[in-house]
Protein backbone atom coordinates (compact mmCIF):
# COMPACT_ATOMS: atom_id res chain seq x y z
CA UNK A 1 -29.26 -44.15 51.56
CA UNK A 2 -31.36 -41.02 51.35
CA UNK A 3 -28.55 -39.02 52.99
CA UNK A 4 -26.01 -40.23 50.43
CA UNK A 5 -28.37 -39.37 47.58
CA UNK A 6 -28.96 -35.91 49.04
CA UNK A 7 -25.22 -35.26 49.42
CA UNK A 8 -24.56 -36.31 45.83
CA UNK A 9 -27.36 -34.07 44.63
CA UNK A 10 -26.00 -31.05 46.52
CA UNK A 11 -22.48 -31.73 45.21
CA UNK A 12 -23.76 -31.94 41.62
CA UNK A 13 -25.60 -28.64 41.97
CA UNK A 14 -22.51 -26.93 43.39
CA UNK A 15 -20.30 -28.35 40.62
CA UNK A 16 -22.72 -27.18 37.93
CA UNK A 17 -22.94 -23.75 39.55
CA UNK A 18 -19.15 -23.37 39.67
CA UNK A 19 -18.75 -24.37 36.04
CA UNK A 20 -21.34 -21.76 35.05
CA UNK A 21 -19.54 -19.07 37.03
CA UNK A 22 -16.15 -19.90 35.49
CA UNK A 23 -17.29 -19.46 31.88
CA UNK A 24 -17.82 -15.68 32.00
CA UNK A 25 -14.38 -15.35 33.63
CA UNK A 26 -12.81 -17.20 30.70
CA UNK A 27 -14.71 -15.07 28.23
CA UNK A 28 -13.62 -11.91 30.05
CA UNK A 29 -10.02 -13.07 29.86
CA UNK A 30 -10.35 -13.66 26.09
CA UNK A 31 -11.79 -10.17 25.59
CA UNK A 32 -9.04 -8.64 27.71
CA UNK A 33 -6.42 -10.30 25.50
CA UNK A 34 -7.87 -8.78 22.31
CA UNK A 35 -5.32 -6.27 20.95
CA UNK A 36 -6.10 -2.60 21.54
CA UNK A 37 -4.58 0.23 19.54
CA UNK A 38 -4.37 3.99 19.75
CA UNK A 39 -7.14 5.71 17.81
CA UNK A 40 -6.16 7.25 14.49
CA UNK A 41 -5.15 6.52 10.91
CA UNK A 42 -2.23 4.20 10.20
CA UNK A 43 -0.37 3.92 6.91
CA UNK A 44 2.53 1.82 5.61
CA UNK A 45 3.88 0.96 2.18
CA UNK A 46 6.60 -1.21 0.72
CA UNK A 47 10.00 0.34 0.20
CA UNK A 48 10.33 -0.52 -3.48
CA UNK A 49 8.29 -1.48 -6.53
CA UNK A 50 8.35 -5.21 -7.21
CA UNK A 51 9.31 -6.87 -10.46
CA UNK A 52 5.63 -6.85 -11.42
CA UNK A 53 5.66 -3.05 -11.23
CA UNK A 54 3.45 -2.82 -8.12
CA UNK A 55 4.17 -1.52 -4.64
CA UNK A 56 1.65 -2.37 -1.93
CA UNK A 57 0.32 -0.10 0.79
CA UNK A 58 -2.05 -0.55 3.72
CA UNK A 59 -4.28 1.99 5.44
CA UNK A 60 -5.95 1.27 8.79
CA UNK A 61 -8.44 3.27 10.83
CA UNK A 62 -8.68 2.63 14.58
CA UNK A 63 -11.60 3.81 16.70
CA UNK A 64 -12.16 3.05 20.38
CA UNK A 65 -9.04 0.88 20.29
CA UNK A 66 -10.26 -1.37 17.48
CA UNK A 67 -9.40 -1.56 13.79
CA UNK A 68 -12.63 -0.49 12.08
CA UNK A 69 -11.34 -0.09 8.54
CA UNK A 70 -8.57 -1.81 6.60
CA UNK A 71 -7.62 -1.08 2.99
CA UNK A 72 -5.06 -3.02 0.97
CA UNK A 73 -4.03 -1.28 -2.24
CA UNK A 74 -1.10 -0.91 -4.61
CA UNK A 75 0.62 1.74 -6.71
CA UNK A 76 2.21 1.16 -10.11
CA UNK A 77 5.75 2.19 -10.99
CA UNK A 78 4.35 4.16 -13.94
CA UNK A 79 1.82 5.90 -11.66
CA UNK A 80 -1.73 5.87 -13.03
CA UNK A 81 -4.65 4.11 -11.37
CA UNK A 82 -4.25 2.25 -8.09
CA UNK A 83 -4.44 -1.55 -8.08
CA UNK A 84 -7.95 -1.78 -6.60
CA UNK A 85 -9.29 0.49 -9.35
CA UNK A 86 -7.41 -1.41 -12.06
CA UNK A 87 -8.85 -4.69 -10.77
CA UNK A 88 -12.40 -3.34 -10.42
CA UNK A 89 -12.25 -1.95 -13.95
CA UNK A 90 -11.33 -5.40 -15.30
CA UNK A 91 -7.87 -4.34 -16.38
CA UNK A 92 -5.82 -6.65 -14.15
CA UNK A 93 -6.99 -9.89 -15.75
CA UNK A 94 -6.39 -12.37 -12.92
CA UNK A 95 -9.61 -14.18 -13.72
CA UNK A 96 -9.69 -13.77 -17.49
CA UNK A 97 -6.00 -14.44 -18.16
CA UNK A 98 -4.75 -16.19 -15.05
CA UNK A 99 -7.71 -18.42 -14.25
CA UNK A 100 -8.12 -17.05 -10.71
CA UNK A 101 -11.38 -17.80 -8.91
CA UNK A 102 -11.94 -14.11 -8.08
CA UNK A 103 -10.45 -10.75 -9.10
CA UNK A 104 -7.66 -9.24 -7.05
CA UNK A 105 -9.79 -6.63 -5.29
CA UNK A 106 -12.21 -9.28 -3.99
CA UNK A 107 -9.38 -11.45 -2.69
CA UNK A 108 -7.79 -8.41 -1.05
CA UNK A 109 -11.14 -7.67 0.61
CA UNK A 110 -11.17 -11.17 2.13
CA UNK A 111 -7.85 -10.42 3.82
CA UNK A 112 -9.20 -7.10 5.09
CA UNK A 113 -12.25 -8.80 6.59
CA UNK A 114 -10.06 -11.34 8.38
CA UNK A 115 -8.00 -8.57 9.98
CA UNK A 116 -11.13 -6.74 11.15
CA UNK A 117 -12.36 -9.99 12.70
CA UNK A 118 -9.15 -11.00 14.46
CA UNK A 119 -7.74 -7.50 15.14
CA UNK A 120 -4.26 -9.08 14.96
CA UNK A 121 -2.17 -9.18 11.76
CA UNK A 122 0.17 -11.69 13.40
CA UNK A 123 -2.64 -14.24 13.80
CA UNK A 124 -2.62 -15.32 10.15
CA UNK A 125 -1.06 -18.68 9.28
CA UNK A 126 1.10 -19.01 6.17
CA UNK A 127 1.30 -22.34 4.38
CA UNK A 128 4.37 -21.54 2.28
CA UNK A 129 7.25 -19.11 1.87
CA UNK A 130 5.30 -17.08 -0.69
CA UNK A 131 2.79 -16.08 1.98
CA UNK A 132 -0.35 -17.97 0.98
CA UNK A 133 -2.73 -18.74 3.85
CA UNK A 134 -5.32 -21.25 5.01
CA UNK A 135 -6.59 -19.00 7.80
CA UNK A 136 -9.57 -17.82 5.78
CA UNK A 137 -11.29 -18.52 2.48
CA UNK A 138 -11.64 -16.29 -0.55
CA UNK A 139 -7.96 -15.55 -1.17
CA UNK A 140 -5.70 -17.72 -3.29
CA UNK A 141 -3.19 -14.86 -3.71
CA UNK A 142 -0.25 -14.45 -1.35
CA UNK A 143 -1.37 -12.18 1.48
CA UNK A 144 1.85 -11.79 3.44
CA UNK A 145 2.34 -8.28 2.05
CA UNK A 146 -0.94 -7.09 3.53
CA UNK A 147 -0.46 -8.49 7.01
CA UNK A 148 3.21 -7.52 7.17
CA UNK A 149 2.39 -3.93 6.23
CA UNK A 150 -0.48 -3.89 8.74
CA UNK A 151 1.95 -4.97 11.47
CA UNK A 152 4.42 -2.31 10.35
CA UNK A 153 1.76 0.41 10.35
CA UNK A 154 0.47 -0.50 13.81
CA UNK A 155 4.00 -0.65 15.23
CA UNK A 156 4.81 2.80 13.86
CA UNK A 157 1.70 4.44 15.30
CA UNK A 158 -1.00 6.66 13.76
CA UNK A 159 0.15 9.16 11.13
CA UNK A 160 -3.16 10.49 9.81
CA UNK A 161 -4.15 10.89 6.18
CA UNK A 162 -1.83 12.79 3.85
CA UNK A 163 -2.53 16.32 2.56
CA UNK A 164 -3.78 15.41 -0.93
CA UNK A 165 -7.03 14.09 -2.34
CA UNK A 166 -6.77 10.53 -3.61
CA UNK A 167 -6.57 10.17 -7.36
CA UNK A 168 -4.40 10.28 -10.46
CA UNK A 169 -2.81 13.55 -11.54
CA UNK A 170 -1.09 14.59 -14.77
CA UNK A 171 0.67 17.62 -16.14
CA UNK A 172 2.82 18.15 -19.24
CA UNK A 173 4.67 20.97 -20.90
CA UNK A 174 2.73 22.85 -23.59
CA UNK A 175 5.31 22.39 -26.33
CA UNK A 176 8.36 20.36 -27.37
CA UNK A 177 11.77 21.76 -26.61
CA UNK A 178 14.95 20.27 -28.07
CA UNK A 179 12.92 17.30 -29.28
CA UNK A 180 11.19 16.46 -25.98
CA UNK A 181 8.16 17.47 -23.93
CA UNK A 182 8.28 16.64 -20.22
CA UNK A 183 5.34 15.27 -18.25
CA UNK A 184 4.54 14.09 -14.74
CA UNK A 185 2.08 11.39 -13.67
CA UNK A 186 1.26 11.09 -9.96
CA UNK A 187 -0.76 8.62 -7.88
CA UNK A 188 -2.13 9.61 -4.47
CA UNK A 189 -3.49 7.01 -2.02
CA UNK A 190 -4.70 7.89 1.50
CA UNK A 191 -3.45 11.40 0.88
CA UNK A 192 0.15 10.41 0.15
CA UNK A 193 2.16 10.51 -3.07
CA UNK A 194 2.78 6.79 -3.59
CA UNK A 195 3.92 6.77 -7.22
CA UNK A 196 5.34 9.33 -9.61
CA UNK A 197 6.52 8.99 -13.18
CA UNK A 198 8.71 11.74 -14.63
CA UNK A 199 9.46 11.34 -18.31
CA UNK A 200 9.40 13.11 -21.67
CA UNK A 201 7.59 12.48 -24.94
CA UNK A 202 9.73 12.43 -28.07
CA UNK A 203 8.82 14.88 -30.82
CA UNK A 204 9.62 12.28 -33.47
CA UNK A 205 6.94 10.00 -32.04
CA UNK A 206 9.35 7.33 -30.88
CA UNK A 207 9.91 5.93 -27.42
CA UNK A 208 9.96 8.20 -24.40
CA UNK A 209 13.17 9.73 -23.07
CA UNK A 210 13.53 7.30 -20.17
CA UNK A 211 13.30 4.28 -22.46
CA UNK A 212 15.79 5.75 -24.90
CA UNK A 213 18.14 6.36 -22.02
CA UNK A 214 17.76 2.76 -20.81
CA UNK A 215 18.44 1.56 -24.36
CA UNK A 216 21.63 3.60 -24.51
CA UNK A 217 20.26 5.97 -27.16
CA UNK A 218 20.58 9.10 -25.05
CA UNK A 219 24.32 9.26 -24.45
CA UNK A 220 24.58 11.58 -21.48
CA UNK A 221 27.31 9.46 -19.95
CA UNK A 222 29.13 8.40 -23.13
CA UNK A 223 28.91 11.73 -24.97
CA UNK A 224 28.32 14.27 -22.22
CA UNK A 225 30.39 12.90 -19.36
CA UNK A 226 27.43 12.72 -16.97
CA UNK A 227 27.84 10.70 -13.79
CA UNK A 228 24.70 8.64 -14.48
CA UNK A 229 22.30 8.09 -17.40
CA UNK A 230 19.20 10.25 -17.68
CA UNK A 231 16.72 7.58 -16.53
CA UNK A 232 18.66 6.96 -13.32
CA UNK A 233 18.79 10.65 -12.52
CA UNK A 234 15.06 11.02 -13.20
CA UNK A 235 14.44 8.04 -10.89
CA UNK A 236 16.48 9.74 -8.15
CA UNK A 237 14.18 12.76 -8.38
CA UNK A 238 11.10 10.53 -8.26
CA UNK A 239 12.45 8.76 -5.16
CA UNK A 240 13.06 12.10 -3.49
CA UNK A 241 9.42 13.07 -4.00
CA UNK A 242 8.26 9.73 -2.56
CA UNK A 243 10.59 9.90 0.43
CA UNK A 244 10.01 13.52 1.41
CA UNK A 245 6.44 14.12 0.12
CA UNK A 246 7.73 17.66 -0.46
CA UNK A 247 6.88 19.40 -3.73
CA UNK A 248 9.00 22.46 -3.00
CA UNK A 249 12.17 22.38 -5.10
CA UNK A 250 15.33 21.74 -3.07
CA UNK A 251 18.77 23.10 -3.87
CA UNK A 252 19.86 19.64 -4.98
CA UNK A 253 18.77 16.00 -5.13
CA UNK A 254 21.29 13.26 -4.47
CA UNK A 255 22.00 11.30 -7.62
CA UNK A 256 20.68 13.97 -10.00
CA UNK A 257 22.69 16.63 -11.78
CA UNK A 258 20.05 17.31 -14.43
CA UNK A 259 17.88 20.40 -14.06
CA UNK A 260 15.18 20.09 -11.41
CA UNK A 261 13.04 23.02 -12.55
CA UNK A 262 10.86 21.31 -15.18
CA UNK A 263 10.03 18.39 -12.90
CA UNK A 264 9.07 20.45 -9.87
CA UNK A 265 7.09 22.88 -12.01
CA UNK A 266 5.09 20.00 -13.48
CA UNK A 267 4.49 18.31 -10.12
CA UNK A 268 3.24 21.57 -8.63
CA UNK A 269 0.99 22.09 -11.64
CA UNK A 270 -0.40 18.56 -11.41
CA UNK A 271 -1.15 18.87 -7.69
CA UNK A 272 -2.34 22.47 -7.81
CA UNK A 273 -5.93 21.51 -7.02
CA UNK A 274 -5.18 18.34 -5.10
CA UNK A 275 -4.84 19.84 -1.64
CA UNK A 276 -7.65 18.87 0.73
């Protein structure tokens, strides 16, 4: 009887010892499976502005293979302040007007924290087609834009920060000419031009040139035989700036037959002191 008891005791000790030794191996395996990325700065943004007027972008910093910083932001189609700044300044009104539990910038921060914790943008679970999630608390907004852009940025590889200092830049002509005075508004996030608004003030104090063109009051096509209305041609120039990030005037821009000089002069003036 004593022998049987002794054997059982030895077996129990060995079993307990083995289970203790297996745990670190499992933990090591879990650590080994944690995603690892090339060190550097990653950046991605949506291709177009949404119907709300915003276009999201994501900036990631990776150090020693891990994401150590994640920033979710947005640029407005009319340029001006970025979405985080608008929200922090109380100008986005999600709480005051929409009844949200927290302002946009705080909800965006919750998504950023989750990514830093998991290190994997594909780990988030969506509960509907709009991209809401139950993977973490603190965000009732749809977060699919953030995690999709994070995946896109990581897949593309590090690109570094852009050449400009973050901020909002403005330049306008000193005087009216033929009833209009051109201006340029530019938004820079993570060093990149993410939004640009090229337009002209009307000397008579009415709506701007782009709006008049959209309303059919600036008959370039009807009266002048132009291939496209003024606002579409101005938009083509804006898109060229966003796509190329080049402020040097080209020989031509696809979709624009209007003069390029005033726009490129204003953009260069606005960004004259923006270089890092």
